[in-house]
Amino acid sequence: MERYLKETRMINYSDESIQNLIKNRGWKELDTYECLKSIYDFVRDEILFGYNVDDNIPASKVLSDGYGQCNTKGTLFMALLRACGIPCRVHGFTINKELQKGAMTGFVYKNAPQNIFHSWVEVYFEEEWYELEAFILDKNYIDRLQKKFSDCSGAFCGYGVAVKDFRNPVLDFNRNNTYIQSEGINQDFGIYDCPDNLLVEHHQEMSPLKAFGYKHIGRHLMNHNVKKIRNK
């Protein structure tokens, strides 16, 4: 398990802001289950769903941003877990861009890659690996989506969600896997010790022009859309 506890450039849990957060929340004073559950809830609901400047930013930057998506929130989640002695790893995928329709709109959606880089975190607890993905979207955002699409009682794909049961997605960790985008997965890259290694081999494929447009225009429009949904 040692390799699943290592600090890396991205999983920079020695950073003062991360250490202060852990101390203030008292996570190291909890038993392992309560610590894991509390960190999971924090990353899901207090780090809001949103789009950062890049996937390769360190955990401390995600924390200071206060928002993130699958890859960036996952980096912070892993940093907090490892800092508290809980082994974890990352599993890489791509998802179909239809899953993002609604969060992405107009020319942003039209120009987005068909396959969007995605990952979830796997946590080793009580001699079992748990697949945790539903920390990506904060509950407030999901609640607003469910009200917006109150007539949907089955599968749903869009706005950052891809689930079989839109009314009852598995969001909470209680010794179980959690998913929120898994139904949109179309390619599996496998398991890696850390996001640093995953991103060396796999990352979002975009032309330099599209990457510039995403960083300076697209992600701001997407964050605006997400905030509108959450605040309605």
C-alpha atoms as a PDB file:
ATOM      1  CA  MET A   1       0.000   0.000   0.000  1.00  0.00           C
ATOM      2  CA  GLU A   2       3.003   2.304   0.338  1.00  0.00           C
ATOM      3  CA  ARG A   3       2.842   3.505  -3.263  1.00  0.00           C
ATOM      4  CA  TYR A   4      -0.789   4.519  -2.754  1.00  0.00           C
ATOM      5  CA  LEU A   5       0.202   6.869   0.070  1.00  0.00           C
ATOM      6  CA  LYS A   6       3.035   8.754  -1.633  1.00  0.00           C
ATOM      7  CA  GLU A   7       3.101  12.503  -2.087  1.00  0.00           C
ATOM      8  CA  THR A   8       3.591  13.743  -5.665  1.00  0.00           C
ATOM      9  CA  ARG A   9       3.739  17.086  -7.438  1.00  0.00           C
ATOM     10  CA  MET A  10      -0.040  17.034  -7.915  1.00  0.00           C
ATOM     11  CA  ILE A  11      -0.893  15.233  -4.681  1.00  0.00           C
ATOM     12  CA  ASN A  12       0.974  17.860  -2.668  1.00  0.00           C
ATOM     13  CA  TYR A  13      -0.504  17.126   0.745  1.00  0.00           C
ATOM     14  CA  SER A  14       2.379  18.756   2.636  1.00  0.00           C
ATOM     15  CA  ASP A  15       1.107  22.119   1.430  1.00  0.00           C
ATOM     16  CA  GLU A  16       0.213  24.363   4.359  1.00  0.00           C
ATOM     17  CA  SER A  17      -3.349  24.993   3.190  1.00  0.00           C
ATOM     18  CA  ILE A  18      -4.069  21.259   3.009  1.00  0.00           C
ATOM     19  CA  GLN A  19      -2.466  20.538   6.378  1.00  0.00           C
ATOM     20  CA  ASN A  20      -4.407  23.393   8.000  1.00  0.00           C
ATOM     21  CA  LEU A  21      -7.672  22.089   6.544  1.00  0.00           C
ATOM     22  CA  ILE A  22      -7.027  18.590   7.897  1.00  0.00           C
ATOM     23  CA  LYS A  23      -6.169  19.986  11.331  1.00  0.00           C
ATOM     24  CA  ASN A  24      -9.187  22.307  11.454  1.00  0.00           C
ATOM     25  CA  ARG A  25     -11.558  19.506  10.457  1.00  0.00           C
ATOM     26  CA  GLY A  26     -10.007  17.072  12.926  1.00  0.00           C
ATOM     27  CA  TRP A  27      -9.908  14.335  10.316  1.00  0.00           C
ATOM     28  CA  LYS A  28      -6.879  12.569  11.796  1.00  0.00           C
ATOM     29  CA  GLU A  29      -8.722  12.243  15.101  1.00  0.00           C
ATOM     30  CA  LEU A  30     -11.567  10.231  13.520  1.00  0.00           C
ATOM     31  CA  ASP A  31     -11.605   6.496  12.874  1.00  0.00           C
ATOM     32  CA  THR A  32     -10.801   5.534   9.288  1.00  0.00           C
ATOM     33  CA  TYR A  33     -14.400   5.133   8.127  1.00  0.00           C
ATOM     34  CA  GLU A  34     -15.572   8.469   9.529  1.00  0.00           C
ATOM     35  CA  CYS A  35     -12.447  10.181   8.205  1.00  0.00           C
ATOM     36  CA  LEU A  36     -12.966   8.788   4.704  1.00  0.00           C
ATOM     37  CA  LYS A  37     -16.659   9.652   4.712  1.00  0.00           C
ATOM     38  CA  SER A  38     -16.065  13.189   5.985  1.00  0.00           C
ATOM     39  CA  ILE A  39     -13.354  13.890   3.392  1.00  0.00           C
ATOM     40  CA  TYR A  40     -15.589  12.489   0.656  1.00  0.00           C
ATOM     41  CA  ASP A  41     -18.492  14.731   1.708  1.00  0.00           C
ATOM     42  CA  PHE A  42     -16.213  17.759   1.900  1.00  0.00           C
ATOM     43  CA  VAL A  43     -14.813  17.289  -1.604  1.00  0.00           C
ATOM     44  CA  ARG A  44     -18.248  16.585  -3.042  1.00  0.00           C
ATOM     45  CA  ASP A  45     -20.218  19.421  -1.465  1.00  0.00           C
ATOM     46  CA  GLU A  46     -17.787  22.120  -0.325  1.00  0.00           C
ATOM     47  CA  ILE A  47     -15.595  22.031  -3.427  1.00  0.00           C
ATOM     48  CA  LEU A  48     -18.265  22.976  -5.941  1.00  0.00           C
ATOM     49  CA  PHE A  49     -18.627  21.496  -9.399  1.00  0.00           C
ATOM     50  CA  GLY A  50     -16.821  23.735 -11.888  1.00  0.00           C
ATOM     51  CA  TYR A  51     -14.062  23.870 -14.473  1.00  0.00           C
ATOM     52  CA  ASN A  52     -10.473  24.750 -13.542  1.00  0.00           C
ATOM     53  CA  VAL A  53      -7.793  26.047 -15.858  1.00  0.00           C
ATOM     54  CA  ASP A  54      -6.263  22.592 -16.440  1.00  0.00           C
ATOM     55  CA  ASP A  55      -6.358  18.959 -15.313  1.00  0.00           C
ATOM     56  CA  ASN A  56      -2.746  18.960 -14.105  1.00  0.00           C
ATOM     57  CA  ILE A  57      -3.037  21.541 -11.336  1.00  0.00           C
ATOM     58  CA  PRO A  58      -1.983  20.395  -7.824  1.00  0.00           C
ATOM     59  CA  ALA A  59      -4.398  19.658  -5.009  1.00  0.00           C
ATOM     60  CA  SER A  60      -3.562  22.921  -3.223  1.00  0.00           C
ATOM     61  CA  LYS A  61      -4.702  24.898  -6.288  1.00  0.00           C
ATOM     62  CA  VAL A  62      -7.997  23.003  -6.441  1.00  0.00           C
ATOM     63  CA  LEU A  63      -8.539  23.808  -2.772  1.00  0.00           C
ATOM     64  CA  SER A  64      -7.820  27.512  -3.292  1.00  0.00           C
ATOM     65  CA  ASP A  65     -10.102  27.605  -6.366  1.00  0.00           C
ATOM     66  CA  GLY A  66     -12.912  26.107  -4.307  1.00  0.00           C
ATOM     67  CA  TYR A  67     -14.299  24.258  -7.320  1.00  0.00           C
ATOM     68  CA  GLY A  68     -13.359  21.489  -9.712  1.00  0.00           C
ATOM     69  CA  GLN A  69     -14.434  18.658 -11.994  1.00  0.00           C
ATOM     70  CA  CYS A  70     -13.768  14.925 -12.032  1.00  0.00           C
ATOM     71  CA  ASN A  71     -10.014  15.081 -12.529  1.00  0.00           C
ATOM     72  CA  THR A  72      -9.190  18.074 -10.367  1.00  0.00           C
ATOM     73  CA  LYS A  73     -11.533  17.265  -7.493  1.00  0.00           C
ATOM     74  CA  GLY A  74     -10.112  13.753  -7.644  1.00  0.00           C
ATOM     75  CA  THR A  75      -6.595  15.115  -7.159  1.00  0.00           C
ATOM     76  CA  LEU A  76      -7.667  17.001  -4.040  1.00  0.00           C
ATOM     77  CA  PHE A  77      -9.604  13.985  -2.754  1.00  0.00           C
ATOM     78  CA  MET A  78      -6.506  11.806  -3.117  1.00  0.00           C
ATOM     79  CA  ALA A  79      -4.276  14.360  -1.393  1.00  0.00           C
ATOM     80  CA  LEU A  80      -6.581  14.576   1.616  1.00  0.00           C
ATOM     81  CA  LEU A  81      -6.953  10.798   1.834  1.00  0.00           C
ATOM     82  CA  ARG A  82      -3.218  10.105   1.598  1.00  0.00           C
ATOM     83  CA  ALA A  83      -2.424  12.814   4.114  1.00  0.00           C
ATOM     84  CA  CYS A  84      -4.690  10.954   6.534  1.00  0.00           C
ATOM     85  CA  GLY A  85      -3.088   7.586   5.789  1.00  0.00           C
ATOM     86  CA  ILE A  86      -5.856   6.206   3.532  1.00  0.00           C
ATOM     87  CA  PRO A  87      -4.500   4.485   0.389  1.00  0.00           C
ATOM     88  CA  CYS A  88      -5.998   5.486  -2.949  1.00  0.00           C
ATOM     89  CA  ARG A  89      -5.362   5.375  -6.693  1.00  0.00           C
ATOM     90  CA  VAL A  90      -6.862   6.868  -9.856  1.00  0.00           C
ATOM     91  CA  HIS A  91      -8.694   5.187 -12.752  1.00  0.00           C
ATOM     92  CA  GLY A  92      -8.678   6.941 -16.114  1.00  0.00           C
ATOM     93  CA  PHE A  93     -11.328   6.950 -18.846  1.00  0.00           C
ATOM     94  CA  THR A  94     -12.948   9.048 -21.515  1.00  0.00           C
ATOM     95  CA  ILE A  95     -16.633   9.963 -21.575  1.00  0.00           C
ATOM     96  CA  ASN A  96     -18.844  11.011 -24.468  1.00  0.00           C
ATOM     97  CA  LYS A  97     -19.279  14.778 -24.657  1.00  0.00           C
ATOM     98  CA  GLU A  98     -23.082  14.355 -24.686  1.00  0.00           C
ATOM     99  CA  LEU A  99     -22.746  13.948 -20.929  1.00  0.00           C
ATOM    100  CA  GLN A 100     -21.611  17.593 -20.721  1.00  0.00           C
ATOM    101  CA  LYS A 101     -24.400  19.042 -22.868  1.00  0.00           C
ATOM    102  CA  GLY A 102     -26.178  21.706 -20.835  1.00  0.00           C
ATOM    103  CA  ALA A 103     -23.078  22.562 -18.838  1.00  0.00           C
ATOM    104  CA  MET A 104     -21.506  23.179 -22.237  1.00  0.00           C
ATOM    105  CA  THR A 105     -23.710  25.105 -24.643  1.00  0.00           C
ATOM    106  CA  GLY A 106     -23.509  26.791 -28.042  1.00  0.00           C
ATOM    107  CA  PHE A 107     -20.134  27.024 -29.737  1.00  0.00           C
ATOM    108  CA  VAL A 108     -18.377  25.622 -26.645  1.00  0.00           C
ATOM    109  CA  TYR A 109     -20.267  22.339 -26.954  1.00  0.00           C
ATOM    110  CA  LYS A 110     -19.964  22.294 -30.734  1.00  0.00           C
ATOM    111  CA  ASN A 111     -16.172  22.658 -30.578  1.00  0.00           C
ATOM    112  CA  ALA A 112     -15.588  20.334 -27.618  1.00  0.00           C
ATOM    113  CA  PRO A 113     -13.781  17.018 -28.275  1.00  0.00           C
ATOM    114  CA  GLN A 114     -16.130  14.075 -28.764  1.00  0.00           C
ATOM    115  CA  ASN A 115     -14.239  12.124 -26.088  1.00  0.00           C
ATOM    116  CA  ILE A 116     -13.598  13.982 -22.840  1.00  0.00           C
ATOM    117  CA  PHE A 117     -10.901  12.896 -20.398  1.00  0.00           C
ATOM    118  CA  HIS A 118     -12.358  11.551 -17.147  1.00  0.00           C
ATOM    119  CA  SER A 119     -11.262   9.796 -13.981  1.00  0.00           C
ATOM    120  CA  TRP A 120     -12.518   8.540 -10.652  1.00  0.00           C
ATOM    121  CA  VAL A 121     -10.751   7.672  -7.406  1.00  0.00           C
ATOM    122  CA  GLU A 122     -10.458   4.179  -5.968  1.00  0.00           C
ATOM    123  CA  VAL A 123      -9.984   3.920  -2.195  1.00  0.00           C
ATOM    124  CA  TYR A 124      -8.647   0.933  -0.255  1.00  0.00           C
ATOM    125  CA  PHE A 125     -10.643   0.428   2.909  1.00  0.00           C
ATOM    126  CA  GLU A 126     -11.310  -2.698   4.999  1.00  0.00           C
ATOM    127  CA  GLU A 127      -9.375  -4.863   2.494  1.00  0.00           C
ATOM    128  CA  GLU A 128     -11.531  -3.757  -0.438  1.00  0.00           C
ATOM    129  CA  TRP A 129     -11.182  -1.222  -3.253  1.00  0.00           C
ATOM    130  CA  TYR A 130     -14.134   1.161  -3.601  1.00  0.00           C
ATOM    131  CA  GLU A 131     -14.827   3.070  -6.830  1.00  0.00           C
ATOM    132  CA  LEU A 132     -15.806   6.617  -5.885  1.00  0.00           C
ATOM    133  CA  GLU A 133     -17.018   8.960  -8.611  1.00  0.00           C
ATOM    134  CA  ALA A 134     -20.026  10.830  -7.230  1.00  0.00           C
ATOM    135  CA  PHE A 135     -17.867  13.396  -5.415  1.00  0.00           C
ATOM    136  CA  ILE A 136     -17.694  15.244  -8.757  1.00  0.00           C
ATOM    137  CA  LEU A 137     -21.042  17.054  -8.464  1.00  0.00           C
ATOM    138  CA  ASP A 138     -22.102  18.887  -5.322  1.00  0.00           C
ATOM    139  CA  LYS A 139     -25.492  17.863  -3.941  1.00  0.00           C
ATOM    140  CA  ASN A 140     -26.906  21.359  -4.318  1.00  0.00           C
ATOM    141  CA  TYR A 141     -26.191  21.271  -8.052  1.00  0.00           C
ATOM    142  CA  ILE A 142     -27.750  17.820  -8.422  1.00  0.00           C
ATOM    143  CA  ASP A 143     -30.797  18.902  -6.416  1.00  0.00           C
ATOM    144  CA  ARG A 144     -31.364  21.847  -8.780  1.00  0.00           C
ATOM    145  CA  LEU A 145     -30.993  19.573 -11.787  1.00  0.00           C
ATOM    146  CA  GLN A 146     -33.572  17.157 -10.391  1.00  0.00           C
ATOM    147  CA  LYS A 147     -35.995  20.036  -9.908  1.00  0.00           C
ATOM    148  CA  LYS A 148     -35.292  21.389 -13.395  1.00  0.00           C
ATOM    149  CA  PHE A 149     -36.011  17.976 -14.908  1.00  0.00           C
ATOM    150  CA  SER A 150     -38.685  16.876 -12.439  1.00  0.00           C
ATOM    151  CA  ASP A 151     -40.436  14.754 -15.078  1.00  0.00           C
ATOM    152  CA  CYS A 152     -37.396  12.489 -15.542  1.00  0.00           C
ATOM    153  CA  SER A 153     -37.738   9.239 -13.592  1.00  0.00           C
ATOM    154  CA  GLY A 154     -35.289   6.951 -15.397  1.00  0.00           C
ATOM    155  CA  ALA A 155     -31.919   7.336 -17.051  1.00  0.00           C
ATOM    156  CA  PHE A 156     -30.438  10.819 -17.558  1.00  0.00           C
ATOM    157  CA  CYS A 157     -27.486  12.080 -19.576  1.00  0.00           C
ATOM    158  CA  GLY A 158     -26.382  15.709 -19.646  1.00  0.00           C
ATOM    159  CA  TYR A 159     -25.242  18.617 -17.449  1.00  0.00           C
ATOM    160  CA  GLY A 160     -22.355  16.510 -16.117  1.00  0.00           C
ATOM    161  CA  VAL A 161     -24.586  13.550 -15.187  1.00  0.00           C
ATOM    162  CA  ALA A 162     -24.899  10.080 -16.718  1.00  0.00           C
ATOM    163  CA  VAL A 163     -26.867   7.670 -14.515  1.00  0.00           C
ATOM    164  CA  LYS A 164     -29.504   4.961 -14.884  1.00  0.00           C
ATOM    165  CA  ASP A 165     -31.725   6.311 -12.112  1.00  0.00           C
ATOM    166  CA  PHE A 166     -31.836  10.115 -12.090  1.00  0.00           C
ATOM    167  CA  ARG A 167     -34.142  10.306  -9.086  1.00  0.00           C
ATOM    168  CA  ASN A 168     -31.992   8.041  -6.922  1.00  0.00           C
ATOM    169  CA  PRO A 169     -28.319   8.255  -7.901  1.00  0.00           C
ATOM    170  CA  VAL A 170     -25.843   6.635  -5.506  1.00  0.00           C
ATOM    171  CA  LEU A 171     -24.120   9.726  -4.105  1.00  0.00           C
ATOM    172  CA  ASP A 172     -23.252   8.881  -0.493  1.00  0.00           C
ATOM    173  CA  PHE A 173     -20.387   6.695   0.652  1.00  0.00           C
ATOM    174  CA  ASN A 174     -21.501   4.018   3.106  1.00  0.00           C
ATOM    175  CA  ARG A 175     -19.047   1.224   2.289  1.00  0.00           C
ATOM    176  CA  ASN A 176     -20.210   1.198  -1.331  1.00  0.00           C
ATOM    177  CA  ASN A 177     -19.207   2.412  -4.788  1.00  0.00           C
ATOM    178  CA  THR A 178     -20.637   5.763  -5.888  1.00  0.00           C
ATOM    179  CA  TYR A 179     -21.237   6.893  -9.469  1.00  0.00           C
ATOM    180  CA  ILE A 180     -22.528   9.999 -11.259  1.00  0.00           C
ATOM    181  CA  GLN A 181     -20.967   9.912 -14.763  1.00  0.00           C
ATOM    182  CA  SER A 182     -20.140   6.232 -15.219  1.00  0.00           C
ATOM    183  CA  GLU A 183     -22.874   5.578 -17.792  1.00  0.00           C
ATOM    184  CA  GLY A 184     -21.100   7.948 -20.193  1.00  0.00           C
ATOM    185  CA  ILE A 185     -17.759   6.091 -20.203  1.00  0.00           C
ATOM    186  CA  ASN A 186     -16.615   4.979 -23.661  1.00  0.00           C
ATOM    187  CA  GLN A 187     -12.928   4.152 -23.136  1.00  0.00           C
ATOM    188  CA  ASP A 188     -10.972   2.685 -20.206  1.00  0.00           C
ATOM    189  CA  PHE A 189      -7.319   3.665 -19.661  1.00  0.00           C
ATOM    190  CA  GLY A 190      -6.838   1.551 -16.539  1.00  0.00           C
ATOM    191  CA  ILE A 191      -5.548   2.190 -13.027  1.00  0.00           C
ATOM    192  CA  TYR A 192      -2.611   4.429 -12.048  1.00  0.00           C
ATOM    193  CA  ASP A 193      -0.888   5.170  -8.743  1.00  0.00           C
ATOM    194  CA  CYS A 194      -1.392   8.912  -9.113  1.00  0.00           C
ATOM    195  CA  PRO A 195      -2.813  11.510 -11.535  1.00  0.00           C
ATOM    196  CA  ASP A 196       0.723  12.641 -12.404  1.00  0.00           C
ATOM    197  CA  ASN A 197       1.433   9.255 -14.009  1.00  0.00           C
ATOM    198  CA  LEU A 198      -1.987   9.026 -15.637  1.00  0.00           C
ATOM    199  CA  LEU A 199      -1.579  12.417 -17.314  1.00  0.00           C
ATOM    200  CA  VAL A 200       1.828  11.496 -18.711  1.00  0.00           C
ATOM    201  CA  GLU A 201       0.170   8.767 -20.795  1.00  0.00           C
ATOM    202  CA  HIS A 202      -3.366  10.105 -21.247  1.00  0.00           C
ATOM    203  CA  HIS A 203      -4.813  13.603 -21.237  1.00  0.00           C
ATOM    204  CA  GLN A 204      -7.420  15.721 -22.976  1.00  0.00           C
ATOM    205  CA  GLU A 205      -6.606  15.878 -26.667  1.00  0.00           C
ATOM    206  CA  MET A 206      -7.161  19.382 -28.055  1.00  0.00           C
ATOM    207  CA  SER A 207      -5.443  21.559 -30.602  1.00  0.00           C
ATOM    208  CA  PRO A 208      -3.423  24.476 -29.161  1.00  0.00           C
ATOM    209  CA  LEU A 209      -6.107  26.885 -30.402  1.00  0.00           C
ATOM    210  CA  LYS A 210      -8.948  24.963 -28.752  1.00  0.00           C
ATOM    211  CA  ALA A 211      -6.946  24.586 -25.545  1.00  0.00           C
ATOM    212  CA  PHE A 212      -6.413  28.351 -25.461  1.00  0.00           C
ATOM    213  CA  GLY A 213     -10.122  28.931 -26.110  1.00  0.00           C
ATOM    214  CA  TYR A 214     -11.118  26.570 -23.312  1.00  0.00           C
ATOM    215  CA  LYS A 215      -8.784  28.161 -20.742  1.00  0.00           C
ATOM    216  CA  HIS A 216      -9.693  31.758 -21.514  1.00  0.00           C
ATOM    217  CA  ILE A 217     -13.300  31.605 -22.748  1.00  0.00           C
ATOM    218  CA  GLY A 218     -14.968  28.199 -22.728  1.00  0.00           C
ATOM    219  CA  ARG A 219     -14.512  27.230 -19.107  1.00  0.00           C
ATOM    220  CA  HIS A 220     -15.768  30.629 -17.907  1.00  0.00           C
ATOM    221  CA  LEU A 221     -18.958  30.198 -19.924  1.00  0.00           C
ATOM    222  CA  MET A 222     -19.355  26.671 -18.569  1.00  0.00           C
ATOM    223  CA  ASN A 223     -18.849  27.864 -14.993  1.00  0.00           C
ATOM    224  CA  HIS A 224     -21.430  30.588 -15.594  1.00  0.00           C
ATOM    225  CA  ASN A 225     -23.950  27.986 -16.776  1.00  0.00           C
ATOM    226  CA  VAL A 226     -23.278  25.751 -13.782  1.00  0.00           C
ATOM    227  CA  LYS A 227     -23.685  28.657 -11.339  1.00  0.00           C
ATOM    228  CA  LYS A 228     -26.982  29.645 -12.974  1.00  0.00           C
ATOM    229  CA  ILE A 229     -28.318  26.125 -12.458  1.00  0.00           C
ATOM    230  CA  ARG A 230     -27.089  25.898  -8.878  1.00  0.00           C
ATOM    231  CA  ASN A 231     -28.489  29.327  -7.881  1.00  0.00           C
ATOM    232  CA  LYS A 232     -31.952  28.933  -9.371  1.00  0.00           C
END
